[in-house]
PDB file of N, CA and C in Angstrom:
ATOM      1  N   UNK A   1     -67.524 -77.459-105.760  1.00  0.00           N
ATOM      2  CA  UNK A   1     -66.487 -76.618-106.322  1.00  0.00           C
ATOM      3  C   UNK A   1     -66.497 -76.683-107.837  1.00  0.00           C
ATOM      4  N   UNK A   2     -65.919 -77.730-108.418  1.00  0.00           N
ATOM      5  CA  UNK A   2     -65.947 -77.901-109.867  1.00  0.00           C
ATOM      6  C   UNK A   2     -66.852 -79.084-110.151  1.00  0.00           C
ATOM      7  N   UNK A   3     -68.038 -78.804-110.639  1.00  0.00           N
ATOM      8  CA  UNK A   3     -69.053 -79.837-110.779  1.00  0.00           C
ATOM      9  C   UNK A   3     -69.098 -80.395-112.188  1.00  0.00           C
ATOM     10  N   UNK A   4     -69.197 -81.710-112.284  1.00  0.00           N
ATOM     11  CA  UNK A   4     -69.404 -82.434-113.532  1.00  0.00           C
ATOM     12  C   UNK A   4     -68.482 -81.975-114.659  1.00  0.00           C
ATOM     13  N   UNK A   5     -67.202 -82.080-114.436  1.00  0.00           N
ATOM     14  CA  UNK A   5     -66.209 -81.766-115.446  1.00  0.00           C
ATOM     15  C   UNK A   5     -65.917 -83.030-116.244  1.00  0.00           C
ATOM     16  N   UNK A   6     -65.861 -82.895-117.565  1.00  0.00           N
ATOM     17  CA  UNK A   6     -65.626 -84.045-118.431  1.00  0.00           C
ATOM     18  C   UNK A   6     -64.311 -83.864-119.174  1.00  0.00           C
ATOM     19  N   UNK A   7     -63.497 -84.929-119.187  1.00  0.00           N
ATOM     20  CA  UNK A   7     -62.269 -84.960-119.972  1.00  0.00           C
ATOM     21  C   UNK A   7     -62.357 -86.159-120.903  1.00  0.00           C
ATOM     22  N   UNK A   8     -62.128 -85.919-122.201  1.00  0.00           N
ATOM     23  CA  UNK A   8     -62.151 -86.997-123.197  1.00  0.00           C
ATOM     24  C   UNK A   8     -60.834 -86.948-123.967  1.00  0.00           C
ATOM     25  N   UNK A   9     -60.231 -88.116-124.152  1.00  0.00           N
ATOM     26  CA  UNK A   9     -58.933 -88.194-124.815  1.00  0.00           C
ATOM     27  C   UNK A   9     -59.070 -88.062-126.327  1.00  0.00           C
ATOM     28  N   UNK A  10     -58.255 -87.182-126.908  1.00  0.00           N
ATOM     29  CA  UNK A  10     -58.159 -87.065-128.356  1.00  0.00           C
ATOM     30  C   UNK A  10     -56.956 -87.847-128.875  1.00  0.00           C
ATOM     31  N   UNK A  11     -56.063 -88.240-127.937  1.00  0.00           N
ATOM     32  CA  UNK A  11     -54.910 -89.088-128.252  1.00  0.00           C
ATOM     33  C   UNK A  11     -54.500 -89.810-126.975  1.00  0.00           C
ATOM     34  N   UNK A  12     -53.441 -90.567-127.026  1.00  0.00           N
ATOM     35  CA  UNK A  12     -53.028 -91.350-125.858  1.00  0.00           C
ATOM     36  C   UNK A  12     -51.827 -90.755-125.126  1.00  0.00           C
ATOM     37  N   UNK A  13     -51.491 -89.511-125.399  1.00  0.00           N
ATOM     38  CA  UNK A  13     -50.397 -88.866-124.677  1.00  0.00           C
ATOM     39  C   UNK A  13     -50.925 -88.296-123.354  1.00  0.00           C
ATOM     40  N   UNK A  14     -50.023 -88.082-122.414  1.00  0.00           N
ATOM     41  CA  UNK A  14     -50.393 -87.540-121.111  1.00  0.00           C
ATOM     42  C   UNK A  14     -50.737 -86.062-121.242  1.00  0.00           C
ATOM     43  N   UNK A  15     -51.875 -85.665-120.676  1.00  0.00           N
ATOM     44  CA  UNK A  15     -52.318 -84.272-120.666  1.00  0.00           C
ATOM     45  C   UNK A  15     -52.342 -83.782-119.223  1.00  0.00           C
ATOM     46  N   UNK A  16     -51.905 -82.547-118.996  1.00  0.00           N
ATOM     47  CA  UNK A  16     -51.894 -81.977-117.655  1.00  0.00           C
ATOM     48  C   UNK A  16     -52.662 -80.665-117.657  1.00  0.00           C
ATOM     49  N   UNK A  17     -53.535 -80.508-116.658  1.00  0.00           N
ATOM     50  CA  UNK A  17     -54.336 -79.301-116.498  1.00  0.00           C
ATOM     51  C   UNK A  17     -54.195 -78.809-115.066  1.00  0.00           C
ATOM     52  N   UNK A  18     -54.214 -77.488-114.874  1.00  0.00           N
ATOM     53  CA  UNK A  18     -54.169 -76.895-113.548  1.00  0.00           C
ATOM     54  C   UNK A  18     -55.435 -76.072-113.330  1.00  0.00           C
ATOM     55  N   UNK A  19     -56.003 -76.164-112.123  1.00  0.00           N
ATOM     56  CA  UNK A  19     -57.136 -75.307-111.775  1.00  0.00           C
ATOM     57  C   UNK A  19     -56.577 -73.954-111.334  1.00  0.00           C
ATOM     58  N   UNK A  20     -57.420 -72.944-111.246  1.00  0.00           N
ATOM     59  CA  UNK A  20     -56.947 -71.664-110.712  1.00  0.00           C
ATOM     60  C   UNK A  20     -56.579 -71.798-109.224  1.00  0.00           C
ATOM     61  N   UNK A  21     -55.702 -70.905-108.756  1.00  0.00           N
ATOM     62  CA  UNK A  21     -55.391 -70.850-107.331  1.00  0.00           C
ATOM     63  C   UNK A  21     -56.604 -70.316-106.580  1.00  0.00           C
ATOM     64  N   UNK A  22     -56.859 -70.830-105.386  1.00  0.00           N
ATOM     65  CA  UNK A  22     -57.916 -70.292-104.535  1.00  0.00           C
ATOM     66  C   UNK A  22     -57.410 -70.238-103.099  1.00  0.00           C
ATOM     67  N   UNK A  23     -57.930 -69.296-102.283  1.00  0.00           N
ATOM     68  CA  UNK A  23     -57.417 -69.148-100.918  1.00  0.00           C
ATOM     69  C   UNK A  23     -57.878 -70.290-100.012  1.00  0.00           C
ATOM     70  N   UNK A  24     -57.010 -70.654 -99.086  1.00  0.00           N
ATOM     71  CA  UNK A  24     -57.380 -71.681 -98.112  1.00  0.00           C
ATOM     72  C   UNK A  24     -58.321 -71.078 -97.080  1.00  0.00           C
ATOM     73  N   UNK A  25     -59.078 -71.935 -96.391  1.00  0.00           N
ATOM     74  CA  UNK A  25     -59.977 -71.472 -95.340  1.00  0.00           C
ATOM     75  C   UNK A  25     -59.513 -71.942 -93.965  1.00  0.00           C
ATOM     76  N   UNK A  26     -58.500 -72.800 -93.915  1.00  0.00           N
ATOM     77  CA  UNK A  26     -57.922 -73.292 -92.664  1.00  0.00           C
ATOM     78  C   UNK A  26     -56.551 -73.883 -92.990  1.00  0.00           C
ATOM     79  N   UNK A  27     -55.846 -74.309 -91.956  1.00  0.00           N
ATOM     80  CA  UNK A  27     -54.498 -74.851 -92.155  1.00  0.00           C
ATOM     81  C   UNK A  27     -54.482 -76.238 -92.776  1.00  0.00           C
ATOM     82  N   UNK A  28     -55.592 -76.967 -92.672  1.00  0.00           N
ATOM     83  CA  UNK A  28     -55.678 -78.343 -93.154  1.00  0.00           C
ATOM     84  C   UNK A  28     -57.005 -78.530 -93.890  1.00  0.00           C
ATOM     85  N   UNK A  29     -57.054 -79.551 -94.755  1.00  0.00           N
ATOM     86  CA  UNK A  29     -58.295 -79.809 -95.486  1.00  0.00           C
ATOM     87  C   UNK A  29     -58.348 -81.262 -95.940  1.00  0.00           C
ATOM     88  N   UNK A  30     -59.565 -81.733 -96.098  1.00  0.00           N
ATOM     89  CA  UNK A  30     -59.794 -83.020 -96.749  1.00  0.00           C
ATOM     90  C   UNK A  30     -60.464 -82.702 -98.075  1.00  0.00           C
ATOM     91  N   UNK A  31     -59.792 -83.053 -99.164  1.00  0.00           N
ATOM     92  CA  UNK A  31     -60.316 -82.818-100.504  1.00  0.00           C
ATOM     93  C   UNK A  31     -60.923 -84.127-101.012  1.00  0.00           C
ATOM     94  N   UNK A  32     -62.095 -84.029-101.621  1.00  0.00           N
ATOM     95  CA  UNK A  32     -62.802 -85.220-102.086  1.00  0.00           C
ATOM     96  C   UNK A  32     -63.158 -85.070-103.550  1.00  0.00           C
ATOM     97  N   UNK A  33     -62.906 -86.131-104.309  1.00  0.00           N
ATOM     98  CA  UNK A  33     -63.254 -86.195-105.722  1.00  0.00           C
ATOM     99  C   UNK A  33     -64.222 -87.357-105.913  1.00  0.00           C
ATOM    100  N   UNK A  34     -65.247 -87.125-106.714  1.00  0.00           N
ATOM    101  CA  UNK A  34     -66.177 -88.194-107.081  1.00  0.00           C
ATOM    102  C   UNK A  34     -66.077 -88.440-108.574  1.00  0.00           C
ATOM    103  N   UNK A  35     -65.816 -89.690-108.948  1.00  0.00           N
ATOM    104  CA  UNK A  35     -65.859 -90.054-110.368  1.00  0.00           C
ATOM    105  C   UNK A  35     -67.275 -90.466-110.686  1.00  0.00           C
ATOM    106  N   UNK A  36     -67.934 -89.723-111.558  1.00  0.00           N
ATOM    107  CA  UNK A  36     -69.315 -89.998-111.939  1.00  0.00           C
ATOM    108  C   UNK A  36     -69.361 -91.062-113.025  1.00  0.00           C
ATOM    109  N   UNK A  37     -68.488 -90.944-113.999  1.00  0.00           N
ATOM    110  CA  UNK A  37     -68.411 -91.891-115.110  1.00  0.00           C
ATOM    111  C   UNK A  37     -66.954 -91.992-115.531  1.00  0.00           C
ATOM    112  N   UNK A  38     -66.498 -93.218-115.811  1.00  0.00           N
ATOM    113  CA  UNK A  38     -65.102 -93.415-116.155  1.00  0.00           C
ATOM    114  C   UNK A  38     -64.989 -94.561-117.153  1.00  0.00           C
ATOM    115  N   UNK A  39     -64.365 -94.298-118.301  1.00  0.00           N
ATOM    116  CA  UNK A  39     -64.148 -95.359-119.294  1.00  0.00           C
ATOM    117  C   UNK A  39     -62.681 -95.765-119.392  1.00  0.00           C
ATOM    118  N   UNK A  40     -61.853 -95.241-118.462  1.00  0.00           N
ATOM    119  CA  UNK A  40     -60.448 -95.646-118.401  1.00  0.00           C
ATOM    120  C   UNK A  40     -60.390 -96.932-117.580  1.00  0.00           C
ATOM    121  N   UNK A  41     -59.665 -97.951-118.025  1.00  0.00           N
ATOM    122  CA  UNK A  41     -59.604 -99.202-117.263  1.00  0.00           C
ATOM    123  C   UNK A  41     -59.090 -99.001-115.835  1.00  0.00           C
ATOM    124  N   UNK A  42     -59.737 -99.662-114.855  1.00  0.00           N
ATOM    125  CA  UNK A  42     -59.328 -99.571-113.461  1.00  0.00           C
ATOM    126  C   UNK A  42     -57.889-100.055-113.311  1.00  0.00           C
ATOM    127  N   UNK A  43     -57.111 -99.303-112.559  1.00  0.00           N
ATOM    128  CA  UNK A  43     -55.712 -99.658-112.345  1.00  0.00           C
ATOM    129  C   UNK A  43     -54.784 -99.147-113.424  1.00  0.00           C
ATOM    130  N   UNK A  44     -55.322 -98.484-114.447  1.00  0.00           N
ATOM    131  CA  UNK A  44     -54.479 -97.979-115.541  1.00  0.00           C
ATOM    132  C   UNK A  44     -53.712 -96.720-115.145  1.00  0.00           C
ATOM    133  N   UNK A  45     -54.053 -96.137-113.992  1.00  0.00           N
ATOM    134  CA  UNK A  45     -53.402 -94.925-113.503  1.00  0.00           C
ATOM    135  C   UNK A  45     -53.476 -93.808-114.540  1.00  0.00           C
ATOM    136  N   UNK A  46     -54.617 -93.692-115.197  1.00  0.00           N
ATOM    137  CA  UNK A  46     -54.777 -92.702-116.243  1.00  0.00           C
ATOM    138  C   UNK A  46     -55.355 -91.376-115.810  1.00  0.00           C
ATOM    139  N   UNK A  47     -55.779 -91.263-114.537  1.00  0.00           N
ATOM    140  CA  UNK A  47     -56.408 -90.033-114.062  1.00  0.00           C
ATOM    141  C   UNK A  47     -55.941 -89.778-112.636  1.00  0.00           C
ATOM    142  N   UNK A  48     -55.140 -88.737-112.441  1.00  0.00           N
ATOM    143  CA  UNK A  48     -54.592 -88.421-111.128  1.00  0.00           C
ATOM    144  C   UNK A  48     -54.825 -86.955-110.825  1.00  0.00           C
ATOM    145  N   UNK A  49     -55.220 -86.658-109.587  1.00  0.00           N
ATOM    146  CA  UNK A  49     -55.391 -85.287-109.133  1.00  0.00           C
ATOM    147  C   UNK A  49     -54.453 -85.062-107.958  1.00  0.00           C
ATOM    148  N   UNK A  50     -53.581 -84.066-108.083  1.00  0.00           N
ATOM    149  CA  UNK A  50     -52.609 -83.738-107.041  1.00  0.00           C
ATOM    150  C   UNK A  50     -52.942 -82.363-106.483  1.00  0.00           C
ATOM    151  N   UNK A  51     -52.851 -82.215-105.165  1.00  0.00           N
ATOM    152  CA  UNK A  51     -53.129 -80.947-104.483  1.00  0.00           C
ATOM    153  C   UNK A  51     -51.811 -80.208-104.290  1.00  0.00           C
ATOM    154  N   UNK A  52     -51.788 -78.932-104.685  1.00  0.00           N
ATOM    155  CA  UNK A  52     -50.606 -78.078-104.524  1.00  0.00           C
ATOM    156  C   UNK A  52     -50.953 -76.879-103.665  1.00  0.00           C
ATOM    157  N   UNK A  53     -49.939 -76.336-102.985  1.00  0.00           N
ATOM    158  CA  UNK A  53     -50.138 -75.153-102.153  1.00  0.00           C
ATOM    159  C   UNK A  53     -48.927 -74.234-102.277  1.00  0.00           C
ATOM    160  N   UNK A  54     -49.142 -72.939-102.091  1.00  0.00           N
ATOM    161  CA  UNK A  54     -48.054 -71.952-102.107  1.00  0.00           C
ATOM    162  C   UNK A  54     -48.521 -70.702-101.381  1.00  0.00           C
ATOM    163  N   UNK A  55     -47.583 -69.799-101.103  1.00  0.00           N
ATOM    164  CA  UNK A  55     -47.905 -68.509-100.507  1.00  0.00           C
ATOM    165  C   UNK A  55     -48.138 -67.479-101.606  1.00  0.00           C
ATOM    166  N   UNK A  56     -48.843 -66.417-101.271  1.00  0.00           N
ATOM    167  CA  UNK A  56     -49.157 -65.383-102.257  1.00  0.00           C
ATOM    168  C   UNK A  56     -47.908 -64.729-102.841  1.00  0.00           C
ATOM    169  N   UNK A  57     -46.863 -64.596-102.036  1.00  0.00           N
ATOM    170  CA  UNK A  57     -45.659 -63.909-102.517  1.00  0.00           C
ATOM    171  C   UNK A  57     -44.761 -64.799-103.369  1.00  0.00           C
ATOM    172  N   UNK A  58     -45.047 -66.095-103.463  1.00  0.00           N
ATOM    173  CA  UNK A  58     -44.266 -66.974-104.333  1.00  0.00           C
ATOM    174  C   UNK A  58     -44.464 -66.549-105.782  1.00  0.00           C
ATOM    175  N   UNK A  59     -43.382 -66.484-106.527  1.00  0.00           N
ATOM    176  CA  UNK A  59     -43.417 -65.932-107.876  1.00  0.00           C
ATOM    177  C   UNK A  59     -44.137 -66.828-108.869  1.00  0.00           C
ATOM    178  N   UNK A  60     -44.779 -66.188-109.833  1.00  0.00           N
ATOM    179  CA  UNK A  60     -45.375 -66.878-110.975  1.00  0.00           C
ATOM    180  C   UNK A  60     -46.475 -67.857-110.612  1.00  0.00           C
ATOM    181  N   UNK A  61     -46.817 -68.676-111.572  1.00  0.00           N
ATOM    182  CA  UNK A  61     -47.869 -69.667-111.365  1.00  0.00           C
ATOM    183  C   UNK A  61     -47.272 -71.062-111.271  1.00  0.00           C
ATOM    184  N   UNK A  62     -46.044 -71.135-110.754  1.00  0.00           N
ATOM    185  CA  UNK A  62     -45.394 -72.437-110.566  1.00  0.00           C
ATOM    186  C   UNK A  62     -46.300 -73.341-109.742  1.00  0.00           C
ATOM    187  N   UNK A  63     -46.178 -74.646-109.911  1.00  0.00           N
ATOM    188  CA  UNK A  63     -47.087 -75.559-109.218  1.00  0.00           C
ATOM    189  C   UNK A  63     -47.128 -75.398-107.713  1.00  0.00           C
ATOM    190  N   UNK A  64     -46.043 -74.975-107.075  1.00  0.00           N
ATOM    191  CA  UNK A  64     -46.023 -74.893-105.626  1.00  0.00           C
ATOM    192  C   UNK A  64     -45.550 -76.218-105.045  1.00  0.00           C
ATOM    193  N   UNK A  65     -45.985 -76.513-103.821  1.00  0.00           N
ATOM    194  CA  UNK A  65     -45.572 -77.725-103.118  1.00  0.00           C
ATOM    195  C   UNK A  65     -46.705 -78.740-103.141  1.00  0.00           C
ATOM    196  N   UNK A  66     -46.424 -79.954-103.574  1.00  0.00           N
ATOM    197  CA  UNK A  66     -47.445 -81.011-103.569  1.00  0.00           C
ATOM    198  C   UNK A  66     -47.685 -81.452-102.132  1.00  0.00           C
ATOM    199  N   UNK A  67     -48.962 -81.525-101.724  1.00  0.00           N
ATOM    200  CA  UNK A  67     -49.301 -81.907-100.351  1.00  0.00           C
ATOM    201  C   UNK A  67     -50.237 -83.109-100.285  1.00  0.00           C
ATOM    202  N   UNK A  68     -50.679 -83.624-101.427  1.00  0.00           N
ATOM    203  CA  UNK A  68     -51.553 -84.790-101.405  1.00  0.00           C
ATOM    204  C   UNK A  68     -51.971 -85.200-102.796  1.00  0.00           C
ATOM    205  N   UNK A  69     -52.406 -86.461-102.924  1.00  0.00           N
ATOM    206  CA  UNK A  69     -52.862 -86.994-104.199  1.00  0.00           C
ATOM    207  C   UNK A  69     -54.158 -87.757-104.000  1.00  0.00           C
ATOM    208  N   UNK A  70     -55.105 -87.527-104.882  1.00  0.00           N
ATOM    209  CA  UNK A  70     -56.338 -88.303-104.912  1.00  0.00           C
ATOM    210  C   UNK A  70     -56.080 -89.476-105.838  1.00  0.00           C
ATOM    211  N   UNK A  71     -55.896 -90.665-105.284  1.00  0.00           N
ATOM    212  CA  UNK A  71     -55.495 -91.848-106.049  1.00  0.00           C
ATOM    213  C   UNK A  71     -56.710 -92.466-106.722  1.00  0.00           C
ATOM    214  N   UNK A  72     -56.969 -92.082-107.960  1.00  0.00           N
ATOM    215  CA  UNK A  72     -58.150 -92.552-108.679  1.00  0.00           C
ATOM    216  C   UNK A  72     -57.902 -93.850-109.431  1.00  0.00           C
ATOM    217  N   UNK A  73     -56.715 -94.451-109.286  1.00  0.00           N
ATOM    218  CA  UNK A  73     -56.442 -95.723-109.961  1.00  0.00           C
ATOM    219  C   UNK A  73     -57.148 -96.879-109.255  1.00  0.00           C
ATOM    220  N   UNK A  74     -57.581 -96.655-108.022  1.00  0.00           N
ATOM    221  CA  UNK A  74     -58.278 -97.692-107.271  1.00  0.00           C
ATOM    222  C   UNK A  74     -59.741 -97.746-107.683  1.00  0.00           C
ATOM    223  N   UNK A  75     -60.373 -98.901-107.523  1.00  0.00           N
ATOM    224  CA  UNK A  75     -61.800 -99.023-107.825  1.00  0.00           C
ATOM    225  C   UNK A  75     -62.595 -98.242-106.783  1.00  0.00           C
ATOM    226  N   UNK A  76     -63.716 -97.690-107.192  1.00  0.00           N
ATOM    227  CA  UNK A  76     -64.556 -96.923-106.278  1.00  0.00           C
ATOM    228  C   UNK A  76     -64.993 -95.636-106.925  1.00  0.00           C
ATOM    229  N   UNK A  77     -65.818 -94.883-106.219  1.00  0.00           N
ATOM    230  CA  UNK A  77     -66.343 -93.657-106.784  1.00  0.00           C
ATOM    231  C   UNK A  77     -65.874 -92.399-106.095  1.00  0.00           C
ATOM    232  N   UNK A  78     -65.478 -92.493-104.794  1.00  0.00           N
ATOM    233  CA  UNK A  78     -65.041 -91.325-104.039  1.00  0.00           C
ATOM    234  C   UNK A  78     -63.581 -91.506-103.622  1.00  0.00           C
ATOM    235  N   UNK A  79     -62.803 -90.417-103.722  1.00  0.00           N
ATOM    236  CA  UNK A  79     -61.383 -90.456-103.399  1.00  0.00           C
ATOM    237  C   UNK A  79     -61.064 -89.252-102.529  1.00  0.00           C
ATOM    238  N   UNK A  80     -60.251 -89.453-101.498  1.00  0.00           N
ATOM    239  CA  UNK A  80     -59.923 -88.384-100.559  1.00  0.00           C
ATOM    240  C   UNK A  80     -58.424 -88.171-100.450  1.00  0.00           C
ATOM    241  N   UNK A  81     -58.064 -86.933-100.138  1.00  0.00           N
ATOM    242  CA  UNK A  81     -56.688 -86.588 -99.787  1.00  0.00           C
ATOM    243  C   UNK A  81     -56.748 -85.695 -98.562  1.00  0.00           C
ATOM    244  N   UNK A  82     -56.140 -86.144 -97.474  1.00  0.00           N
ATOM    245  CA  UNK A  82     -56.072 -85.363 -96.246  1.00  0.00           C
ATOM    246  C   UNK A  82     -54.777 -84.576 -96.283  1.00  0.00           C
ATOM    247  N   UNK A  83     -54.878 -83.258 -96.450  1.00  0.00           N
ATOM    248  CA  UNK A  83     -53.701 -82.409 -96.635  1.00  0.00           C
ATOM    249  C   UNK A  83     -53.521 -81.507 -95.421  1.00  0.00           C
ATOM    250  N   UNK A  84     -52.331 -81.513 -94.861  1.00  0.00           N
ATOM    251  CA  UNK A  84     -52.042 -80.695 -93.688  1.00  0.00           C
ATOM    252  C   UNK A  84     -50.965 -79.672 -94.010  1.00  0.00           C
ATOM    253  N   UNK A  85     -50.896 -78.625 -93.202  1.00  0.00           N
ATOM    254  CA  UNK A  85     -49.872 -77.603 -93.377  1.00  0.00           C
ATOM    255  C   UNK A  85     -50.021 -76.801 -94.651  1.00  0.00           C
ATOM    256  N   UNK A  86     -51.251 -76.473 -95.023  1.00  0.00           N
ATOM    257  CA  UNK A  86     -51.483 -75.713 -96.250  1.00  0.00           C
ATOM    258  C   UNK A  86     -50.952 -74.298 -96.122  1.00  0.00           C
ATOM    259  N   UNK A  87     -50.425 -73.782 -97.220  1.00  0.00           N
ATOM    260  CA  UNK A  87     -49.990 -72.391 -97.271  1.00  0.00           C
ATOM    261  C   UNK A  87     -51.202 -71.535 -97.634  1.00  0.00           C
ATOM    262  N   UNK A  88     -51.009 -70.327 -98.146  1.00  0.00           N
ATOM    263  CA  UNK A  88     -52.108 -69.399 -98.366  1.00  0.00           C
ATOM    264  C   UNK A  88     -53.012 -69.765 -99.539  1.00  0.00           C
ATOM    265  N   UNK A  89     -52.458 -70.382-100.585  1.00  0.00           N
ATOM    266  CA  UNK A  89     -53.230 -70.691-101.790  1.00  0.00           C
ATOM    267  C   UNK A  89     -53.182 -72.184-102.089  1.00  0.00           C
ATOM    268  N   UNK A  90     -54.238 -72.676-102.727  1.00  0.00           N
ATOM    269  CA  UNK A  90     -54.354 -74.096-103.057  1.00  0.00           C
ATOM    270  C   UNK A  90     -54.842 -74.219-104.502  1.00  0.00           C
ATOM    271  N   UNK A  91     -54.397 -75.266-105.198  1.00  0.00           N
ATOM    272  CA  UNK A  91     -54.940 -75.595-106.509  1.00  0.00           C
ATOM    273  C   UNK A  91     -54.711 -77.067-106.803  1.00  0.00           C
ATOM    274  N   UNK A  92     -55.337 -77.548-107.877  1.00  0.00           N
ATOM    275  CA  UNK A  92     -55.243 -78.949-108.258  1.00  0.00           C
ATOM    276  C   UNK A  92     -54.514 -79.088-109.595  1.00  0.00           C
ATOM    277  N   UNK A  93     -53.713 -80.130-109.697  1.00  0.00           N
ATOM    278  CA  UNK A  93     -53.099 -80.523-110.965  1.00  0.00           C
ATOM    279  C   UNK A  93     -53.801 -81.805-111.391  1.00  0.00           C
ATOM    280  N   UNK A  94     -54.369 -81.803-112.574  1.00  0.00           N
ATOM    281  CA  UNK A  94     -55.100 -82.954-113.090  1.00  0.00           C
ATOM    282  C   UNK A  94     -54.289 -83.546-114.233  1.00  0.00           C
ATOM    283  N   UNK A  95     -53.883 -84.800-114.068  1.00  0.00           N
ATOM    284  CA  UNK A  95     -53.123 -85.503-115.086  1.00  0.00           C
ATOM    285  C   UNK A  95     -53.991 -86.616-115.645  1.00  0.00           C
ATOM    286  N   UNK A  96     -54.064 -86.680-116.967  1.00  0.00           N
ATOM    287  CA  UNK A  96     -54.988 -87.588-117.642  1.00  0.00           C
ATOM    288  C   UNK A  96     -54.248 -88.297-118.768  1.00  0.00           C
ATOM    289  N   UNK A  97     -54.326 -89.637-118.791  1.00  0.00           N
ATOM    290  CA  UNK A  97     -53.720 -90.414-119.872  1.00  0.00           C
ATOM    291  C   UNK A  97     -54.633 -91.593-120.189  1.00  0.00           C
ATOM    292  N   UNK A  98     -55.188 -91.585-121.372  1.00  0.00           N
ATOM    293  CA  UNK A  98     -56.065 -92.664-121.811  1.00  0.00           C
ATOM    294  C   UNK A  98     -55.253 -93.741-122.522  1.00  0.00           C
ATOM    295  N   UNK A  99     -55.785 -94.951-122.542  1.00  0.00           N
ATOM    296  CA  UNK A  99     -55.130 -96.034-123.277  1.00  0.00           C
ATOM    297  C   UNK A  99     -55.654 -96.125-124.708  1.00  0.00           C
ATOM    298  N   UNK A 100     -56.747 -95.382-124.988  1.00  0.00           N
ATOM    299  CA  UNK A 100     -57.306 -95.354-126.343  1.00  0.00           C
ATOM    300  C   UNK A 100     -58.033 -94.022-126.551  1.00  0.00           C
ATOM    301  N   UNK A 101     -58.085 -93.567-127.774  1.00  0.00           N
ATOM    302  CA  UNK A 101     -58.803 -92.345-128.117  1.00  0.00           C
ATOM    303  C   UNK A 101     -60.284 -92.526-127.788  1.00  0.00           C
ATOM    304  N   UNK A 102     -60.894 -91.496-127.208  1.00  0.00           N
ATOM    305  CA  UNK A 102     -62.311 -91.534-126.874  1.00  0.00           C
ATOM    306  C   UNK A 102     -62.602 -91.929-125.441  1.00  0.00           C
ATOM    307  N   UNK A 103     -61.601 -92.485-124.742  1.00  0.00           N
ATOM    308  CA  UNK A 103     -61.813 -92.779-123.327  1.00  0.00           C
ATOM    309  C   UNK A 103     -61.852 -91.479-122.548  1.00  0.00           C
ATOM    310  N   UNK A 104     -62.515 -91.504-121.424  1.00  0.00           N
ATOM    311  CA  UNK A 104     -62.587 -90.284-120.637  1.00  0.00           C
ATOM    312  C   UNK A 104     -63.186 -90.515-119.268  1.00  0.00           C
ATOM    313  N   UNK A 105     -63.402 -89.413-118.593  1.00  0.00           N
ATOM    314  CA  UNK A 105     -63.991 -89.462-117.260  1.00  0.00           C
ATOM    315  C   UNK A 105     -64.823 -88.215-117.023  1.00  0.00           C
ATOM    316  N   UNK A 106     -65.854 -88.365-116.227  1.00  0.00           N
ATOM    317  CA  UNK A 106     -66.639 -87.242-115.718  1.00  0.00           C
ATOM    318  C   UNK A 106     -66.449 -87.270-114.213  1.00  0.00           C
ATOM    319  N   UNK A 107     -66.033 -86.154-113.655  1.00  0.00           N
ATOM    320  CA  UNK A 107     -65.735 -86.100-112.222  1.00  0.00           C
ATOM    321  C   UNK A 107     -66.232 -84.783-111.640  1.00  0.00           C
ATOM    322  N   UNK A 108     -66.292 -84.744-110.321  1.00  0.00           N
ATOM    323  CA  UNK A 108     -66.564 -83.489-109.626  1.00  0.00           C
ATOM    324  C   UNK A 108     -65.675 -83.413-108.391  1.00  0.00           C
ATOM    325  N   UNK A 109     -65.118 -82.248-108.163  1.00  0.00           N
ATOM    326  CA  UNK A 109     -64.356 -81.969-106.952  1.00  0.00           C
ATOM    327  C   UNK A 109     -65.326 -81.334-105.967  1.00  0.00           C
ATOM    328  N   UNK A 110     -65.569 -82.017-104.865  1.00  0.00           N
ATOM    329  CA  UNK A 110     -66.528 -81.550-103.873  1.00  0.00           C
ATOM    330  C   UNK A 110     -65.912 -80.450-103.020  1.00  0.00           C
ATOM    331  N   UNK A 111     -66.746 -79.619-102.375  1.00  0.00           N
ATOM    332  CA  UNK A 111     -66.185 -78.572-101.510  1.00  0.00           C
ATOM    333  C   UNK A 111     -65.313 -79.193-100.412  1.00  0.00           C
ATOM    334  N   UNK A 112     -64.158 -78.607-100.136  1.00  0.00           N
ATOM    335  CA  UNK A 112     -63.250 -79.187 -99.144  1.00  0.00           C
ATOM    336  C   UNK A 112     -63.822 -79.094 -97.730  1.00  0.00           C
ATOM    337  N   UNK A 113     -63.389 -80.006 -96.881  1.00  0.00           N
ATOM    338  CA  UNK A 113     -63.667 -79.922 -95.451  1.00  0.00           C
ATOM    339  C   UNK A 113     -62.432 -79.303 -94.817  1.00  0.00           C
ATOM    340  N   UNK A 114     -62.550 -78.037 -94.393  1.00  0.00           N
ATOM    341  CA  UNK A 114     -61.424 -77.314 -93.817  1.00  0.00           C
ATOM    342  C   UNK A 114     -61.404 -77.549 -92.317  1.00  0.00           C
ATOM    343  N   UNK A 115     -60.212 -77.675 -91.725  1.00  0.00           N
ATOM    344  CA  UNK A 115     -60.107 -77.796 -90.266  1.00  0.00           C
ATOM    345  C   UNK A 115     -58.744 -77.327 -89.796  1.00  0.00           C
ATOM    346  N   UNK A 116     -58.727 -76.812 -88.553  1.00  0.00           N
ATOM    347  CA  UNK A 116     -57.480 -76.417 -87.906  1.00  0.00           C
ATOM    348  C   UNK A 116     -57.068 -77.498 -86.924  1.00  0.00           C
ATOM    349  N   UNK A 117     -55.805 -77.592 -86.665  1.00  0.00           N
ATOM    350  CA  UNK A 117     -55.296 -78.574 -85.725  1.00  0.00           C
ATOM    351  C   UNK A 117     -55.417 -77.998 -84.314  1.00  0.00           C
ATOM    352  N   UNK A 118     -56.007 -78.780 -83.406  1.00  0.00           N
ATOM    353  CA  UNK A 118     -56.140 -78.336 -82.022  1.00  0.00           C
ATOM    354  C   UNK A 118     -54.775 -78.316 -81.354  1.00  0.00           C
ATOM    355  N   UNK A 119     -54.556 -77.321 -80.534  1.00  0.00           N
ATOM    356  CA  UNK A 119     -53.270 -77.195 -79.830  1.00  0.00           C
ATOM    357  C   UNK A 119     -53.388 -77.733 -78.432  1.00  0.00           C
TER     358      UNK A 119
END
């Protein structure tokens, strides 16, 4: 999906970015993020990705409803969020806070694994 995206801190304030809305392919999904390179200290909670969903008729570009978080504060390279009950559109909120100028991360959001719940 979004391959090899790099974020580098120009200051130590919290920065928030939103991806564009995209249509869902099923009612549920597993979203996976891979951190390729990270200079933010582990456990600093400086890089968080939250999954949001909304319907097409919902007004404006408001964040929508949060349905999952990729917890990147833990050690490791791959992070998952299993999100159920998705509405028509999905997007990511990326929150980034470095402890020093010049810290950053390179990450990629892998294509989601879409699935429907069996009845």
